[in-house]
Amino acid sequence: MLVAKMAYCDYIADVVQRSLYEDASQNTYSKLGGVGKVKLDLDPTMGSFKSTKKSVEVFDCHGKKYLVTIEETSN
């Protein structure tokens, strides 16, 4: 019997986003200027899920944008 293993992309993305947001908003010496919301990997026309991949936009204190991606890979 084949048993599918659960993927935790949602959970990991939430932990990453909240941790970065906490650093940006509560740390006086943070180099972060802002943290976006978790974005899903959706089909641009239909709006349906393409994958379990998640991403979070992060801005440094100079306004430069970064993209943090959480994506499951094969073992």
C-alpha atoms as a PDB file:
ATOM      1  CA  MET A   1       0.000   0.000   0.000  1.00  0.00           C
ATOM      2  CA  LEU A   2       1.385   3.395  -1.035  1.00  0.00           C
ATOM      3  CA  VAL A   3       0.982   6.102   1.602  1.00  0.00           C
ATOM      4  CA  ALA A   4       1.387   9.754   0.604  1.00  0.00           C
ATOM      5  CA  LYS A   5       3.473  11.859   2.935  1.00  0.00           C
ATOM      6  CA  MET A   6       2.076  15.213   3.990  1.00  0.00           C
ATOM      7  CA  ALA A   7       3.706  18.400   2.710  1.00  0.00           C
ATOM      8  CA  TYR A   8       4.151  21.272   5.141  1.00  0.00           C
ATOM      9  CA  CYS A   9       4.732  24.183   2.736  1.00  0.00           C
ATOM     10  CA  ASP A  10       1.856  26.178   4.268  1.00  0.00           C
ATOM     11  CA  TYR A  11       3.166  25.735   7.790  1.00  0.00           C
ATOM     12  CA  ILE A  12       6.790  26.518   6.883  1.00  0.00           C
ATOM     13  CA  ALA A  13       5.773  29.596   4.864  1.00  0.00           C
ATOM     14  CA  ASP A  14       3.696  30.863   7.800  1.00  0.00           C
ATOM     15  CA  VAL A  15       6.570  30.395  10.271  1.00  0.00           C
ATOM     16  CA  VAL A  16       9.038  32.142   7.927  1.00  0.00           C
ATOM     17  CA  GLN A  17       6.679  35.052   7.214  1.00  0.00           C
ATOM     18  CA  ARG A  18       5.782  35.612  10.880  1.00  0.00           C
ATOM     19  CA  SER A  19       9.436  35.404  11.980  1.00  0.00           C
ATOM     20  CA  LEU A  20      10.575  37.924   9.368  1.00  0.00           C
ATOM     21  CA  TYR A  21       7.656  40.236  10.174  1.00  0.00           C
ATOM     22  CA  GLU A  22       8.460  40.059  13.896  1.00  0.00           C
ATOM     23  CA  ASP A  23      12.101  40.954  13.217  1.00  0.00           C
ATOM     24  CA  ALA A  24      11.124  43.860  10.948  1.00  0.00           C
ATOM     25  CA  SER A  25       8.579  45.315  13.351  1.00  0.00           C
ATOM     26  CA  GLN A  26      10.122  44.681  16.776  1.00  0.00           C
ATOM     27  CA  ASN A  27      13.879  44.737  16.278  1.00  0.00           C
ATOM     28  CA  THR A  28      15.307  48.280  16.453  1.00  0.00           C
ATOM     29  CA  TYR A  29      18.436  47.172  14.573  1.00  0.00           C
ATOM     30  CA  SER A  30      16.642  45.121  11.915  1.00  0.00           C
ATOM     31  CA  LYS A  31      17.865  45.449   8.344  1.00  0.00           C
ATOM     32  CA  LEU A  32      14.363  44.612   7.103  1.00  0.00           C
ATOM     33  CA  GLY A  33      12.038  47.314   5.872  1.00  0.00           C
ATOM     34  CA  GLY A  34       8.949  45.228   5.239  1.00  0.00           C
ATOM     35  CA  VAL A  35       7.545  41.750   4.794  1.00  0.00           C
ATOM     36  CA  GLY A  36       4.712  40.799   2.459  1.00  0.00           C
ATOM     37  CA  LYS A  37       2.018  38.166   2.827  1.00  0.00           C
ATOM     38  CA  VAL A  38       2.428  34.539   1.835  1.00  0.00           C
ATOM     39  CA  LYS A  39       1.548  34.132  -1.850  1.00  0.00           C
ATOM     40  CA  LEU A  40       0.274  30.898  -3.374  1.00  0.00           C
ATOM     41  CA  ASP A  41       1.422  29.399  -6.680  1.00  0.00           C
ATOM     42  CA  LEU A  42      -1.754  29.913  -8.717  1.00  0.00           C
ATOM     43  CA  ASP A  43      -2.563  29.565 -12.407  1.00  0.00           C
ATOM     44  CA  PRO A  44      -2.740  33.160 -13.721  1.00  0.00           C
ATOM     45  CA  THR A  45      -5.861  32.619 -15.835  1.00  0.00           C
ATOM     46  CA  MET A  46      -7.914  30.069 -13.909  1.00  0.00           C
ATOM     47  CA  GLY A  47      -6.779  30.889 -10.374  1.00  0.00           C
ATOM     48  CA  SER A  48      -6.406  27.213  -9.509  1.00  0.00           C
ATOM     49  CA  PHE A  49      -3.485  25.787  -7.542  1.00  0.00           C
ATOM     50  CA  LYS A  50      -0.437  24.946  -9.666  1.00  0.00           C
ATOM     51  CA  SER A  51       1.672  23.548  -6.824  1.00  0.00           C
ATOM     52  CA  THR A  52       2.245  23.661  -3.070  1.00  0.00           C
ATOM     53  CA  LYS A  53       4.972  26.292  -3.583  1.00  0.00           C
ATOM     54  CA  LYS A  54       4.639  29.459  -1.489  1.00  0.00           C
ATOM     55  CA  SER A  55       6.558  32.749  -1.617  1.00  0.00           C
ATOM     56  CA  VAL A  56       7.048  35.821   0.582  1.00  0.00           C
ATOM     57  CA  GLU A  57       8.376  39.194  -0.600  1.00  0.00           C
ATOM     58  CA  VAL A  58      10.829  40.843   1.799  1.00  0.00           C
ATOM     59  CA  PHE A  59      12.244  44.354   1.566  1.00  0.00           C
ATOM     60  CA  ASP A  60      15.481  45.476   3.150  1.00  0.00           C
ATOM     61  CA  CYS A  61      15.979  48.843   4.849  1.00  0.00           C
ATOM     62  CA  HIS A  62      17.052  50.373   1.505  1.00  0.00           C
ATOM     63  CA  GLY A  63      13.947  49.195  -0.357  1.00  0.00           C
ATOM     64  CA  LYS A  64      15.595  46.324  -2.265  1.00  0.00           C
ATOM     65  CA  LYS A  65      13.168  43.441  -2.795  1.00  0.00           C
ATOM     66  CA  TYR A  66      13.878  39.747  -2.112  1.00  0.00           C
ATOM     67  CA  LEU A  67      11.743  36.687  -2.724  1.00  0.00           C
ATOM     68  CA  VAL A  68      11.763  33.834  -0.201  1.00  0.00           C
ATOM     69  CA  THR A  69      10.384  30.638  -1.760  1.00  0.00           C
ATOM     70  CA  ILE A  70       9.218  27.518   0.036  1.00  0.00           C
ATOM     71  CA  GLU A  71       8.958  24.560  -2.300  1.00  0.00           C
ATOM     72  CA  GLU A  72       8.904  20.834  -1.624  1.00  0.00           C
ATOM     73  CA  THR A  73      11.537  18.743  -3.388  1.00  0.00           C
ATOM     74  CA  SER A  74      11.910  15.034  -3.875  1.00  0.00           C
ATOM     75  CA  ASN A  75      14.013  13.089  -1.404  1.00  0.00           C
END
